[in-house]
N, C-alpha and C. Protein backbone atom coordinates (compact mmCIF):
# COMPACT_ATOMS: atom_id res chain seq x y z
N MET A 1 -132.61 -122.77 27.94
CA MET A 1 -133.22 -122.14 26.78
C MET A 1 -132.28 -122.24 25.58
N TYR A 2 -131.01 -121.93 25.79
CA TYR A 2 -130.06 -121.96 24.69
C TYR A 2 -129.89 -123.38 24.16
N PHE A 3 -129.81 -124.38 25.08
CA PHE A 3 -129.63 -125.76 24.64
C PHE A 3 -130.85 -126.27 23.90
N LYS A 4 -132.04 -125.88 24.35
CA LYS A 4 -133.26 -126.29 23.67
C LYS A 4 -133.27 -125.76 22.25
N ALA A 5 -132.89 -124.49 22.08
CA ALA A 5 -132.84 -123.91 20.74
C ALA A 5 -131.79 -124.61 19.88
N MET A 6 -130.68 -125.00 20.50
CA MET A 6 -129.61 -125.65 19.76
C MET A 6 -130.03 -127.04 19.26
N PHE A 7 -130.77 -127.77 20.07
CA PHE A 7 -131.16 -129.13 19.71
C PHE A 7 -132.46 -129.21 18.94
N ASP A 8 -133.23 -128.14 18.86
CA ASP A 8 -134.50 -128.14 18.12
C ASP A 8 -134.34 -127.67 16.68
N GLN A 9 -133.12 -127.45 16.25
CA GLN A 9 -132.87 -126.98 14.89
C GLN A 9 -132.19 -128.08 14.08
N GLY A 10 -132.11 -127.86 12.80
CA GLY A 10 -131.40 -128.78 11.93
C GLY A 10 -132.07 -130.13 11.85
N SER A 11 -131.24 -131.15 11.74
CA SER A 11 -131.78 -132.50 11.54
C SER A 11 -132.02 -133.25 12.84
N ILE A 12 -131.59 -132.73 13.96
CA ILE A 12 -131.69 -133.46 15.22
C ILE A 12 -133.13 -133.84 15.58
N PRO A 13 -134.12 -132.94 15.54
CA PRO A 13 -135.47 -133.37 15.89
C PRO A 13 -136.04 -134.41 14.92
N VAL A 14 -135.67 -134.32 13.66
CA VAL A 14 -136.13 -135.31 12.68
C VAL A 14 -135.52 -136.66 13.00
N LEU A 15 -134.23 -136.67 13.29
CA LEU A 15 -133.55 -137.92 13.62
C LEU A 15 -134.13 -138.54 14.89
N GLU A 16 -134.45 -137.73 15.88
CA GLU A 16 -135.05 -138.23 17.12
C GLU A 16 -136.36 -138.96 16.83
N LYS A 17 -137.18 -138.37 15.99
CA LYS A 17 -138.47 -138.98 15.66
C LYS A 17 -138.29 -140.31 14.93
N VAL A 18 -137.41 -140.32 13.95
CA VAL A 18 -137.20 -141.54 13.16
C VAL A 18 -136.61 -142.65 14.03
N ILE A 19 -135.63 -142.32 14.84
CA ILE A 19 -135.01 -143.32 15.72
C ILE A 19 -136.04 -143.87 16.70
N SER A 20 -136.84 -143.01 17.28
CA SER A 20 -137.87 -143.45 18.22
C SER A 20 -138.87 -144.39 17.54
N PHE A 21 -139.30 -144.03 16.34
CA PHE A 21 -140.25 -144.86 15.60
C PHE A 21 -139.63 -146.21 15.27
N CYS A 22 -138.38 -146.21 14.82
CA CYS A 22 -137.71 -147.47 14.48
C CYS A 22 -137.55 -148.38 15.69
N GLU A 23 -137.24 -147.81 16.84
CA GLU A 23 -137.10 -148.61 18.05
C GLU A 23 -138.42 -149.30 18.40
N GLN A 24 -139.50 -148.55 18.32
CA GLN A 24 -140.81 -149.14 18.61
C GLN A 24 -141.16 -150.22 17.58
N ARG A 25 -140.85 -149.96 16.32
CA ARG A 25 -141.18 -150.91 15.27
C ARG A 25 -140.36 -152.19 15.43
N ASN A 26 -139.10 -152.07 15.85
CA ASN A 26 -138.29 -153.26 16.10
C ASN A 26 -138.94 -154.16 17.15
N ARG A 27 -139.48 -153.55 18.21
CA ARG A 27 -140.14 -154.34 19.25
C ARG A 27 -141.37 -155.05 18.70
N VAL A 28 -142.14 -154.38 17.87
CA VAL A 28 -143.36 -154.97 17.30
C VAL A 28 -142.99 -156.13 16.38
N ILE A 29 -141.99 -155.93 15.54
CA ILE A 29 -141.57 -156.99 14.62
C ILE A 29 -141.01 -158.18 15.39
N ALA A 30 -140.22 -157.92 16.43
CA ALA A 30 -139.68 -159.00 17.27
C ALA A 30 -140.81 -159.77 17.94
N ASN A 31 -141.86 -159.07 18.34
CA ASN A 31 -143.02 -159.73 18.93
C ASN A 31 -143.71 -160.63 17.90
N ASN A 32 -143.80 -160.15 16.66
CA ASN A 32 -144.38 -160.98 15.59
C ASN A 32 -143.56 -162.26 15.40
N ILE A 33 -142.23 -162.11 15.40
CA ILE A 33 -141.35 -163.27 15.22
C ILE A 33 -141.51 -164.24 16.38
N ALA A 34 -141.63 -163.71 17.59
CA ALA A 34 -141.81 -164.56 18.76
C ALA A 34 -143.12 -165.33 18.72
N ASN A 35 -144.12 -164.79 18.03
CA ASN A 35 -145.43 -165.43 17.96
C ASN A 35 -145.68 -166.13 16.63
N VAL A 36 -144.62 -166.48 15.93
CA VAL A 36 -144.78 -167.11 14.62
C VAL A 36 -145.53 -168.44 14.71
N ASP A 37 -145.46 -169.13 15.82
CA ASP A 37 -146.14 -170.42 15.98
C ASP A 37 -147.36 -170.35 16.89
N THR A 38 -147.81 -169.16 17.25
CA THR A 38 -148.97 -169.00 18.12
C THR A 38 -150.25 -169.08 17.28
N PRO A 39 -151.11 -170.04 17.57
CA PRO A 39 -152.36 -170.15 16.80
C PRO A 39 -153.21 -168.88 16.93
N HIS A 40 -153.83 -168.50 15.83
CA HIS A 40 -154.76 -167.37 15.74
C HIS A 40 -154.09 -166.01 15.98
N TYR A 41 -152.77 -165.96 15.95
CA TYR A 41 -152.07 -164.68 16.15
C TYR A 41 -152.11 -163.89 14.85
N ARG A 42 -152.43 -162.62 14.96
CA ARG A 42 -152.45 -161.72 13.81
C ARG A 42 -151.21 -160.85 13.84
N ARG A 43 -150.61 -160.71 12.68
CA ARG A 43 -149.43 -159.86 12.53
C ARG A 43 -149.76 -158.43 12.92
N ARG A 44 -148.82 -157.77 13.60
CA ARG A 44 -148.97 -156.38 13.99
C ARG A 44 -147.85 -155.55 13.37
N ASP A 45 -148.13 -154.29 13.19
CA ASP A 45 -147.12 -153.37 12.68
C ASP A 45 -147.48 -151.97 13.13
N LEU A 46 -146.58 -151.05 12.93
CA LEU A 46 -146.85 -149.64 13.20
C LEU A 46 -147.26 -148.97 11.90
N PRO A 47 -147.97 -147.86 11.98
CA PRO A 47 -148.43 -147.17 10.76
C PRO A 47 -147.29 -146.41 10.08
N VAL A 48 -146.50 -147.12 9.30
CA VAL A 48 -145.31 -146.56 8.64
C VAL A 48 -145.69 -145.42 7.69
N ALA A 49 -146.72 -145.65 6.87
CA ALA A 49 -147.12 -144.63 5.89
C ALA A 49 -147.60 -143.36 6.59
N GLU A 50 -148.34 -143.52 7.68
CA GLU A 50 -148.82 -142.35 8.43
C GLU A 50 -147.65 -141.58 9.04
N PHE A 51 -146.69 -142.31 9.61
CA PHE A 51 -145.52 -141.66 10.20
C PHE A 51 -144.74 -140.89 9.14
N ARG A 52 -144.51 -141.52 7.99
CA ARG A 52 -143.76 -140.84 6.91
C ARG A 52 -144.49 -139.59 6.44
N ALA A 53 -145.82 -139.68 6.33
CA ALA A 53 -146.60 -138.52 5.89
C ALA A 53 -146.51 -137.39 6.91
N GLN A 54 -146.62 -137.71 8.19
CA GLN A 54 -146.51 -136.69 9.24
C GLN A 54 -145.13 -136.06 9.26
N LEU A 55 -144.10 -136.88 9.11
CA LEU A 55 -142.73 -136.38 9.12
C LEU A 55 -142.49 -135.48 7.91
N SER A 56 -142.94 -135.90 6.75
CA SER A 56 -142.80 -135.08 5.54
C SER A 56 -143.52 -133.75 5.68
N SER A 57 -144.71 -133.79 6.26
CA SER A 57 -145.50 -132.58 6.47
C SER A 57 -144.79 -131.63 7.43
N ALA A 58 -144.24 -132.17 8.51
CA ALA A 58 -143.53 -131.34 9.48
C ALA A 58 -142.28 -130.70 8.87
N ILE A 59 -141.56 -131.46 8.05
CA ILE A 59 -140.37 -130.93 7.41
C ILE A 59 -140.75 -129.84 6.41
N ALA A 60 -141.79 -130.10 5.62
CA ALA A 60 -142.25 -129.10 4.64
C ALA A 60 -142.74 -127.84 5.33
N HIS A 61 -143.45 -128.00 6.44
CA HIS A 61 -143.95 -126.84 7.20
C HIS A 61 -142.79 -126.02 7.73
N ARG A 62 -141.77 -126.69 8.24
CA ARG A 62 -140.60 -125.99 8.77
C ARG A 62 -139.87 -125.24 7.67
N GLU A 63 -139.69 -125.87 6.52
CA GLU A 63 -138.99 -125.21 5.42
C GLU A 63 -139.76 -124.01 4.89
N LYS A 64 -141.07 -124.11 4.91
CA LYS A 64 -141.92 -123.04 4.38
C LYS A 64 -142.06 -121.87 5.34
N ASN A 65 -142.20 -122.16 6.63
CA ASN A 65 -142.54 -121.13 7.60
C ASN A 65 -141.38 -120.64 8.46
N ASN A 66 -140.72 -121.55 9.15
CA ASN A 66 -139.69 -121.14 10.10
C ASN A 66 -138.66 -122.25 10.23
N PRO A 67 -137.45 -122.07 9.74
CA PRO A 67 -136.44 -123.13 9.81
C PRO A 67 -136.00 -123.46 11.23
N ARG A 68 -136.36 -122.63 12.19
CA ARG A 68 -135.97 -122.90 13.57
C ARG A 68 -137.04 -123.65 14.37
N LEU A 69 -138.20 -123.85 13.76
CA LEU A 69 -139.31 -124.48 14.47
C LEU A 69 -139.70 -125.78 13.78
N PHE A 70 -139.54 -126.89 14.48
CA PHE A 70 -139.96 -128.19 13.96
C PHE A 70 -141.20 -128.61 14.73
N SER A 71 -142.32 -128.65 14.06
CA SER A 71 -143.59 -128.95 14.70
C SER A 71 -144.16 -130.24 14.14
N PHE A 72 -144.03 -131.32 14.89
CA PHE A 72 -144.56 -132.63 14.51
C PHE A 72 -145.95 -132.75 15.11
N GLU A 73 -146.95 -132.64 14.27
CA GLU A 73 -148.34 -132.64 14.74
C GLU A 73 -148.82 -134.06 15.04
N PRO A 74 -149.62 -134.23 16.09
CA PRO A 74 -150.16 -135.55 16.39
C PRO A 74 -151.10 -136.03 15.29
N GLY A 75 -151.06 -137.30 15.02
CA GLY A 75 -151.95 -137.91 14.03
C GLY A 75 -152.87 -138.90 14.70
N LYS A 76 -153.53 -139.69 13.89
CA LYS A 76 -154.48 -140.68 14.40
C LYS A 76 -153.77 -141.76 15.22
N ASN A 77 -152.65 -142.26 14.70
CA ASN A 77 -151.95 -143.36 15.34
C ASN A 77 -150.54 -143.04 15.80
N VAL A 78 -150.02 -141.87 15.43
CA VAL A 78 -148.66 -141.48 15.80
C VAL A 78 -148.71 -140.09 16.44
N VAL A 79 -148.23 -140.02 17.69
CA VAL A 79 -148.23 -138.73 18.40
C VAL A 79 -146.84 -138.47 18.97
N PRO A 80 -146.42 -137.21 19.01
CA PRO A 80 -145.11 -136.89 19.61
C PRO A 80 -145.17 -137.09 21.12
N ASN A 81 -144.03 -137.42 21.71
CA ASN A 81 -143.98 -137.53 23.16
C ASN A 81 -143.09 -136.43 23.74
N ALA A 82 -143.06 -136.35 25.04
CA ALA A 82 -142.34 -135.27 25.71
C ALA A 82 -140.82 -135.40 25.60
N LEU A 83 -140.32 -136.57 25.24
CA LEU A 83 -138.88 -136.80 25.18
C LEU A 83 -138.29 -136.52 23.81
N GLY A 84 -139.11 -136.03 22.88
CA GLY A 84 -138.61 -135.73 21.55
C GLY A 84 -138.89 -136.82 20.53
N GLY A 85 -139.34 -137.97 20.99
CA GLY A 85 -139.65 -139.07 20.08
C GLY A 85 -141.12 -139.10 19.73
N VAL A 86 -141.60 -140.27 19.39
CA VAL A 86 -143.01 -140.45 19.06
C VAL A 86 -143.54 -141.69 19.76
N ASN A 87 -144.84 -141.72 19.92
CA ASN A 87 -145.54 -142.92 20.39
C ASN A 87 -146.48 -143.34 19.28
N ALA A 88 -146.33 -144.58 18.83
CA ALA A 88 -147.14 -145.08 17.73
C ALA A 88 -148.00 -146.24 18.22
N ARG A 89 -149.22 -146.26 17.74
CA ARG A 89 -150.16 -147.32 18.11
C ARG A 89 -150.02 -148.49 17.14
N GLN A 90 -150.00 -149.70 17.69
CA GLN A 90 -149.91 -150.88 16.85
C GLN A 90 -151.19 -151.08 16.06
N ILE A 91 -151.01 -151.54 14.83
CA ILE A 91 -152.14 -151.86 13.97
C ILE A 91 -152.13 -153.38 13.78
N VAL A 92 -153.25 -154.03 14.06
CA VAL A 92 -153.36 -155.46 13.88
C VAL A 92 -153.79 -155.72 12.43
N GLU A 93 -153.02 -156.56 11.76
CA GLU A 93 -153.33 -156.88 10.37
C GLU A 93 -154.65 -157.64 10.30
N PRO A 94 -155.58 -157.19 9.47
CA PRO A 94 -156.87 -157.88 9.39
C PRO A 94 -156.71 -159.25 8.72
N LEU A 95 -157.64 -160.12 9.00
CA LEU A 95 -157.64 -161.45 8.42
C LEU A 95 -157.91 -161.33 6.92
N ASN A 96 -156.99 -161.85 6.13
CA ASN A 96 -157.11 -161.77 4.68
C ASN A 96 -156.96 -163.18 4.13
N ARG A 97 -158.05 -163.78 3.73
CA ARG A 97 -158.01 -165.16 3.24
C ARG A 97 -157.27 -165.28 1.91
N ASN A 98 -157.11 -164.20 1.18
CA ASN A 98 -156.40 -164.24 -0.10
C ASN A 98 -154.89 -164.12 0.09
N GLY A 99 -154.48 -163.65 1.23
CA GLY A 99 -153.05 -163.46 1.50
C GLY A 99 -152.46 -164.66 2.19
N TYR A 100 -151.40 -164.42 2.95
CA TYR A 100 -150.68 -165.48 3.64
C TYR A 100 -151.44 -165.85 4.91
N LEU A 101 -151.92 -167.07 4.99
CA LEU A 101 -152.62 -167.54 6.19
C LEU A 101 -152.38 -169.03 6.31
N ARG A 102 -151.95 -169.45 7.46
CA ARG A 102 -151.65 -170.86 7.67
C ARG A 102 -152.87 -171.59 8.23
N HIS A 103 -152.75 -172.89 8.37
CA HIS A 103 -153.86 -173.70 8.87
C HIS A 103 -154.28 -173.34 10.29
N ASP A 104 -153.39 -172.74 11.07
CA ASP A 104 -153.72 -172.36 12.45
C ASP A 104 -154.19 -170.91 12.55
N ASP A 105 -154.51 -170.28 11.42
CA ASP A 105 -154.98 -168.89 11.35
C ASP A 105 -153.96 -167.88 11.85
N ASN A 106 -152.69 -168.21 11.78
CA ASN A 106 -151.62 -167.29 12.12
C ASN A 106 -151.21 -166.57 10.84
N SER A 107 -151.11 -165.25 10.88
CA SER A 107 -150.80 -164.48 9.67
C SER A 107 -149.36 -164.01 9.58
N VAL A 108 -148.47 -164.57 10.41
CA VAL A 108 -147.07 -164.14 10.42
C VAL A 108 -146.26 -164.98 9.44
N SER A 109 -145.54 -164.30 8.57
CA SER A 109 -144.58 -164.95 7.67
C SER A 109 -143.20 -164.62 8.19
N ILE A 110 -142.45 -165.64 8.58
CA ILE A 110 -141.12 -165.40 9.15
C ILE A 110 -140.21 -164.71 8.13
N ASP A 111 -140.36 -165.03 6.85
CA ASP A 111 -139.54 -164.39 5.82
C ASP A 111 -139.85 -162.90 5.74
N ARG A 112 -141.12 -162.56 5.76
CA ARG A 112 -141.52 -161.15 5.70
C ARG A 112 -141.02 -160.39 6.93
N GLU A 113 -141.18 -161.00 8.09
CA GLU A 113 -140.77 -160.33 9.33
C GLU A 113 -139.27 -160.12 9.37
N MET A 114 -138.50 -161.09 8.93
CA MET A 114 -137.04 -160.94 8.94
C MET A 114 -136.61 -159.85 7.95
N ALA A 115 -137.29 -159.78 6.80
CA ALA A 115 -136.98 -158.73 5.83
C ALA A 115 -137.32 -157.35 6.40
N GLU A 116 -138.49 -157.23 7.04
CA GLU A 116 -138.89 -155.95 7.64
C GLU A 116 -137.96 -155.57 8.79
N LEU A 117 -137.55 -156.56 9.57
CA LEU A 117 -136.62 -156.30 10.68
C LEU A 117 -135.28 -155.80 10.13
N SER A 118 -134.81 -156.40 9.06
CA SER A 118 -133.54 -155.96 8.46
C SER A 118 -133.63 -154.54 7.93
N LYS A 119 -134.70 -154.23 7.20
CA LYS A 119 -134.88 -152.87 6.67
C LYS A 119 -134.98 -151.85 7.79
N ASN A 120 -135.75 -152.18 8.82
CA ASN A 120 -135.94 -151.26 9.93
C ASN A 120 -134.65 -151.04 10.71
N THR A 121 -133.89 -152.11 10.90
CA THR A 121 -132.61 -152.00 11.62
C THR A 121 -131.61 -151.16 10.83
N LEU A 122 -131.58 -151.34 9.51
CA LEU A 122 -130.69 -150.53 8.68
C LEU A 122 -131.05 -149.05 8.77
N LEU A 123 -132.33 -148.74 8.71
CA LEU A 123 -132.77 -147.35 8.82
C LEU A 123 -132.38 -146.78 10.19
N HIS A 124 -132.63 -147.53 11.24
CA HIS A 124 -132.30 -147.10 12.60
C HIS A 124 -130.80 -146.82 12.72
N ASN A 125 -129.99 -147.75 12.26
CA ASN A 125 -128.54 -147.59 12.37
C ASN A 125 -128.03 -146.40 11.56
N ALA A 126 -128.60 -146.19 10.38
CA ALA A 126 -128.20 -145.04 9.57
C ALA A 126 -128.54 -143.73 10.28
N MET A 127 -129.73 -143.65 10.88
CA MET A 127 -130.13 -142.43 11.58
C MET A 127 -129.26 -142.19 12.82
N VAL A 128 -128.90 -143.26 13.52
CA VAL A 128 -128.03 -143.12 14.68
C VAL A 128 -126.65 -142.62 14.25
N GLN A 129 -126.13 -143.13 13.15
CA GLN A 129 -124.82 -142.68 12.66
C GLN A 129 -124.85 -141.19 12.28
N ILE A 130 -125.94 -140.77 11.65
CA ILE A 130 -126.06 -139.35 11.30
C ILE A 130 -126.13 -138.50 12.56
N LEU A 131 -126.88 -138.96 13.57
CA LEU A 131 -126.99 -138.24 14.84
C LEU A 131 -125.63 -138.14 15.53
N VAL A 132 -124.87 -139.22 15.50
CA VAL A 132 -123.52 -139.20 16.09
C VAL A 132 -122.66 -138.16 15.39
N LYS A 133 -122.75 -138.09 14.07
CA LYS A 133 -121.98 -137.08 13.31
C LYS A 133 -122.42 -135.67 13.69
N GLU A 134 -123.74 -135.47 13.84
CA GLU A 134 -124.24 -134.14 14.25
C GLU A 134 -123.66 -133.73 15.59
N PHE A 135 -123.67 -134.64 16.56
CA PHE A 135 -123.12 -134.31 17.87
C PHE A 135 -121.61 -134.14 17.81
N GLY A 136 -120.95 -134.88 16.94
CA GLY A 136 -119.52 -134.71 16.75
C GLY A 136 -119.19 -133.32 16.22
N MET A 137 -120.01 -132.84 15.28
CA MET A 137 -119.79 -131.48 14.76
C MET A 137 -120.03 -130.45 15.85
N MET A 138 -121.03 -130.66 16.69
CA MET A 138 -121.28 -129.72 17.80
C MET A 138 -120.11 -129.73 18.77
N GLN A 139 -119.60 -130.92 19.07
CA GLN A 139 -118.47 -131.02 19.98
C GLN A 139 -117.25 -130.31 19.41
N THR A 140 -117.03 -130.45 18.13
CA THR A 140 -115.91 -129.77 17.48
C THR A 140 -116.07 -128.26 17.55
N ALA A 141 -117.30 -127.79 17.31
CA ALA A 141 -117.56 -126.35 17.36
C ALA A 141 -117.39 -125.81 18.78
N ILE A 142 -117.85 -126.55 19.77
CA ILE A 142 -117.74 -126.11 21.16
C ILE A 142 -116.28 -126.10 21.61
N SER A 143 -115.53 -127.11 21.22
CA SER A 143 -114.13 -127.20 21.68
C SER A 143 -113.20 -126.32 20.85
N GLU A 144 -113.71 -125.74 19.79
CA GLU A 144 -112.95 -124.84 18.91
C GLU A 144 -111.69 -125.49 18.34
N LYS A 145 -111.78 -126.78 18.05
CA LYS A 145 -110.65 -127.48 17.44
C LYS A 145 -110.82 -127.46 15.93
N VAL A 146 -109.69 -127.47 15.26
CA VAL A 146 -109.69 -127.49 13.80
C VAL A 146 -109.78 -128.97 13.38
N VAL A 147 -110.70 -129.24 12.46
CA VAL A 147 -110.86 -130.60 11.95
C VAL A 147 -109.83 -130.84 10.86
N LYS A 148 -109.10 -131.92 10.96
CA LYS A 148 -108.06 -132.23 9.97
C LYS A 148 -108.58 -133.14 8.91
C-alpha cells in the first residue's frame, strides 16, 4: 500500500504512460520501415493526438481535484493497462491520392518514418532520463545521504 502510494504520485505515472506509448510507437514505425517496399502496404501509426489529449486531461484533472490521484481514463484508441502503461490501437493511414503514394500503392515515406522515429526516440529517452532522476531522488531520500 505504501509503495503504491509512493509511485502513484508526482511525475512517475505520467512518465510511465509516455514511455509505454513511445515504446509501442517505435514498434509501429519500425514496422512501417520494414514494409517500405511491400506493395499495397498502408502506413500505420498510433493516435498521438488522442494520447496527448488524454494525458493532458488526466494531468489537469489531478491538479484540479487531487494531487495524489492520477486517473488516466480510457479513450477510443488508447486505454490504460494493468502495468501502469497504455495500450494503443494502430491506425491505418487511409489512401490519399493527393499525398505521398508510389506506383505500387505503398504509402510509406522512408524520410517521414525516419524523422518520426527520431522524434519518438528522443521523447522516449528524455522521459527515461527523467524517470531515472526521480528514482535517484527516492534512493537518496531512502538512504538518508546528503547530496553534494
